[in-house]
């Protein structure tokens, strides 16, 4: 009968639980041209060029196409889409008889927030782009691996955007 080595001993077999531990990494989400991502996946990175540690930054040769103007246009399309849902809901609820004045306003704000969450978190997670970004040819990538963003990273991005908007509105008065 052999005695197993004590835990932590160099000859102790690695347990399955220890091998499944995930390493947490911190990353940001970047917006890049979809055609650059497609080209990078198909042909690989350009040869003989040194690459920065982070994907999708302005000086990254893996994503050479400019995207700032497209990002602004995509954001405007998304904003108009969200506003159209809010105005449509507000108009539909305002036409109802015997409704308090605040009811349509609350419904419009709720429609804006709901569509914003669906578009900027769930649609972007599923397709790597919101409706507006997809129409202008952009997609979102992780800056550490160049892969698709996680659901949690998109949720944090949406929450920080909401918080930043609230702070901007309150400090501009």
Protein backbone atom coordinates (compact mmCIF):
# COMPACT_ATOMS: atom_id res chain seq x y z
CA UNK A 1 0.00 0.00 0.00
CA UNK A 2 1.41 3.36 -1.01
CA UNK A 3 0.81 6.56 0.90
CA UNK A 4 -0.22 9.52 -1.28
CA UNK A 5 2.01 12.59 -1.08
CA UNK A 6 0.78 15.48 1.08
CA UNK A 7 -1.11 18.37 -0.58
CA UNK A 8 1.22 20.89 -2.20
CA UNK A 9 3.96 18.31 -2.75
CA UNK A 10 5.52 18.55 -6.25
CA UNK A 11 4.35 15.04 -7.09
CA UNK A 12 0.77 15.68 -5.95
CA UNK A 13 -1.57 15.35 -8.94
CA UNK A 14 -3.42 18.49 -9.95
CA UNK A 15 -7.07 18.25 -9.08
CA UNK A 16 -9.74 19.02 -11.63
CA UNK A 17 -11.01 21.96 -9.58
CA UNK A 18 -7.61 23.67 -9.62
CA UNK A 19 -7.25 23.21 -13.37
CA UNK A 20 -10.62 24.89 -14.01
CA UNK A 21 -9.74 28.10 -12.18
CA UNK A 22 -10.10 31.12 -14.42
CA UNK A 23 -7.60 33.90 -14.57
CA UNK A 24 -9.35 37.25 -14.35
CA UNK A 25 -8.08 39.84 -16.76
CA UNK A 26 -9.02 43.48 -17.11
CA UNK A 27 -9.82 44.68 -20.60
CA UNK A 28 -11.58 47.47 -22.43
CA UNK A 29 -13.84 47.34 -25.46
CA UNK A 30 -12.75 49.06 -28.69
CA UNK A 31 -14.68 49.92 -31.84
CA UNK A 32 -12.97 48.92 -35.12
CA UNK A 33 -13.92 48.41 -38.75
CA UNK A 34 -15.51 45.03 -39.38
CA UNK A 35 -13.51 44.58 -42.59
CA UNK A 36 -10.25 44.93 -40.63
CA UNK A 37 -11.35 42.16 -38.25
CA UNK A 38 -12.38 39.96 -41.18
CA UNK A 39 -9.06 40.59 -42.98
CA UNK A 40 -7.08 39.88 -39.79
CA UNK A 41 -8.90 36.56 -39.27
CA UNK A 42 -8.48 35.54 -42.90
CA UNK A 43 -4.89 36.58 -43.62
CA UNK A 44 -3.36 37.12 -40.18
CA UNK A 45 -1.46 40.18 -38.99
CA UNK A 46 0.80 42.10 -41.37
CA UNK A 47 4.27 40.50 -41.40
CA UNK A 48 7.33 42.27 -40.08
CA UNK A 49 5.49 44.87 -38.00
CA UNK A 50 5.66 45.23 -34.23
CA UNK A 51 2.26 45.22 -32.60
CA UNK A 52 1.10 47.10 -29.53
CA UNK A 53 -0.09 45.08 -26.55
CA UNK A 54 -3.67 46.32 -26.94
CA UNK A 55 -5.89 45.67 -29.97
CA UNK A 56 -7.79 48.40 -31.79
CA UNK A 57 -5.96 51.51 -30.64
CA UNK A 58 -5.29 54.35 -33.11
CA UNK A 59 -1.70 53.26 -33.84
CA UNK A 60 -2.46 49.54 -34.19
CA UNK A 61 -1.42 48.34 -37.69
CA UNK A 62 -3.79 45.36 -37.43
CA UNK A 63 -6.75 47.76 -37.73
CA UNK A 64 -5.60 50.45 -40.18
CA UNK A 65 -8.99 51.81 -41.28
CA UNK A 66 -10.15 55.01 -39.57
CA UNK A 67 -13.31 54.53 -37.55
CA UNK A 68 -13.97 57.71 -35.53
CA UNK A 69 -16.37 59.32 -38.05
CA UNK A 70 -18.18 56.01 -38.52
CA UNK A 71 -18.46 55.66 -34.75
CA UNK A 72 -20.17 59.07 -34.52
CA UNK A 73 -22.60 58.22 -37.32
CA UNK A 74 -23.36 54.82 -35.77
CA UNK A 75 -23.97 56.45 -32.39
CA UNK A 76 -26.34 58.97 -34.01
CA UNK A 77 -28.29 56.16 -35.71
CA UNK A 78 -28.60 54.29 -32.40
CA UNK A 79 -29.68 57.46 -30.60
CA UNK A 80 -32.35 58.19 -33.23
CA UNK A 81 -33.59 54.61 -33.01
CA UNK A 82 -33.93 54.83 -29.23
CA UNK A 83 -35.60 58.25 -29.43
CA UNK A 84 -38.05 57.01 -32.08
CA UNK A 85 -39.14 54.21 -29.74
CA UNK A 86 -39.56 56.69 -26.89
CA UNK A 87 -41.59 59.16 -29.00
CA UNK A 88 -43.72 56.37 -30.44
CA UNK A 89 -44.52 55.02 -26.98
CA UNK A 90 -45.20 58.51 -25.67
CA UNK A 91 -47.56 59.21 -28.57
CA UNK A 92 -49.38 55.91 -28.18
CA UNK A 93 -49.89 56.39 -24.45
CA UNK A 94 -50.86 60.07 -24.79
CA UNK A 95 -53.74 59.08 -27.07
CA UNK A 96 -55.37 56.96 -24.38
CA UNK A 97 -58.35 58.56 -22.60
CA UNK A 98 -58.24 59.41 -18.87
CA UNK A 99 -54.49 58.91 -18.49
CA UNK A 100 -52.47 61.06 -16.06
CA UNK A 101 -49.95 63.36 -17.80
CA UNK A 102 -46.92 61.62 -16.28
CA UNK A 103 -47.95 58.16 -17.54
CA UNK A 104 -46.89 58.75 -21.19
CA UNK A 105 -43.66 60.42 -20.03
CA UNK A 106 -42.79 57.44 -17.88
CA UNK A 107 -43.65 55.08 -20.73
CA UNK A 108 -41.46 57.03 -23.17
CA UNK A 109 -38.48 57.00 -20.81
CA UNK A 110 -39.04 53.31 -20.13
CA UNK A 111 -39.14 52.52 -23.86
CA UNK A 112 -35.91 54.49 -24.42
CA UNK A 113 -34.10 52.69 -21.60
CA UNK A 114 -35.44 49.25 -22.59
CA UNK A 115 -34.43 49.61 -26.24
CA UNK A 116 -31.07 51.03 -25.21
CA UNK A 117 -30.39 48.02 -22.99
CA UNK A 118 -31.52 45.56 -25.67
CA UNK A 119 -29.52 47.24 -28.45
CA UNK A 120 -26.34 48.23 -26.61
CA UNK A 121 -25.98 45.13 -24.44
CA UNK A 122 -27.74 42.10 -25.90
CA UNK A 123 -27.69 42.85 -29.65
CA UNK A 124 -24.08 44.03 -29.38
CA UNK A 125 -23.16 40.89 -27.45
CA UNK A 126 -24.80 38.61 -30.03
CA UNK A 127 -23.56 40.36 -33.19
CA UNK A 128 -20.54 42.37 -31.93
CA UNK A 129 -22.31 45.57 -33.04
CA UNK A 130 -25.37 47.65 -32.31
CA UNK A 131 -27.79 48.36 -35.16
CA UNK A 132 -26.10 51.71 -35.88
CA UNK A 133 -22.56 50.31 -35.75
CA UNK A 134 -23.53 47.43 -38.03
CA UNK A 135 -25.00 49.83 -40.59
CA UNK A 136 -21.72 51.79 -40.80
CA UNK A 137 -19.48 48.69 -40.77
CA UNK A 138 -18.09 48.74 -37.23
CA UNK A 139 -17.83 46.06 -34.59
CA UNK A 140 -16.68 45.90 -30.97
CA UNK A 141 -13.65 43.89 -29.86
CA UNK A 142 -11.79 43.26 -26.64
CA UNK A 143 -8.54 45.18 -26.52
CA UNK A 144 -6.62 42.34 -24.86
CA UNK A 145 -7.39 39.50 -27.30
CA UNK A 146 -9.18 41.09 -30.24
CA UNK A 147 -12.11 38.73 -29.64
CA UNK A 148 -15.76 39.42 -28.92
CA UNK A 149 -16.69 41.35 -25.77
CA UNK A 150 -18.34 39.64 -22.84
CA UNK A 151 -21.88 40.33 -21.70
CA UNK A 152 -20.59 41.78 -18.43
CA UNK A 153 -18.17 44.16 -20.16
CA UNK A 154 -20.99 45.53 -22.35
CA UNK A 155 -23.24 45.90 -19.31
CA UNK A 156 -20.53 47.87 -17.49
CA UNK A 157 -20.02 50.02 -20.59
CA UNK A 158 -23.76 50.80 -20.72
CA UNK A 159 -23.90 51.59 -16.98
CA UNK A 160 -20.85 53.87 -17.13
CA UNK A 161 -22.37 55.64 -20.13
CA UNK A 162 -25.61 56.16 -18.19
CA UNK A 163 -23.72 57.40 -15.13
CA UNK A 164 -21.63 59.77 -17.27
CA UNK A 165 -24.75 61.17 -18.92
CA UNK A 166 -26.41 61.78 -15.56
CA UNK A 167 -23.31 63.51 -14.22
CA UNK A 168 -23.04 65.69 -17.35
CA UNK A 169 -26.70 66.73 -17.11
CA UNK A 170 -26.47 67.54 -13.40
CA UNK A 171 -23.22 69.49 -13.68
CA UNK A 172 -24.35 71.53 -16.69
CA UNK A 173 -27.11 73.28 -14.72
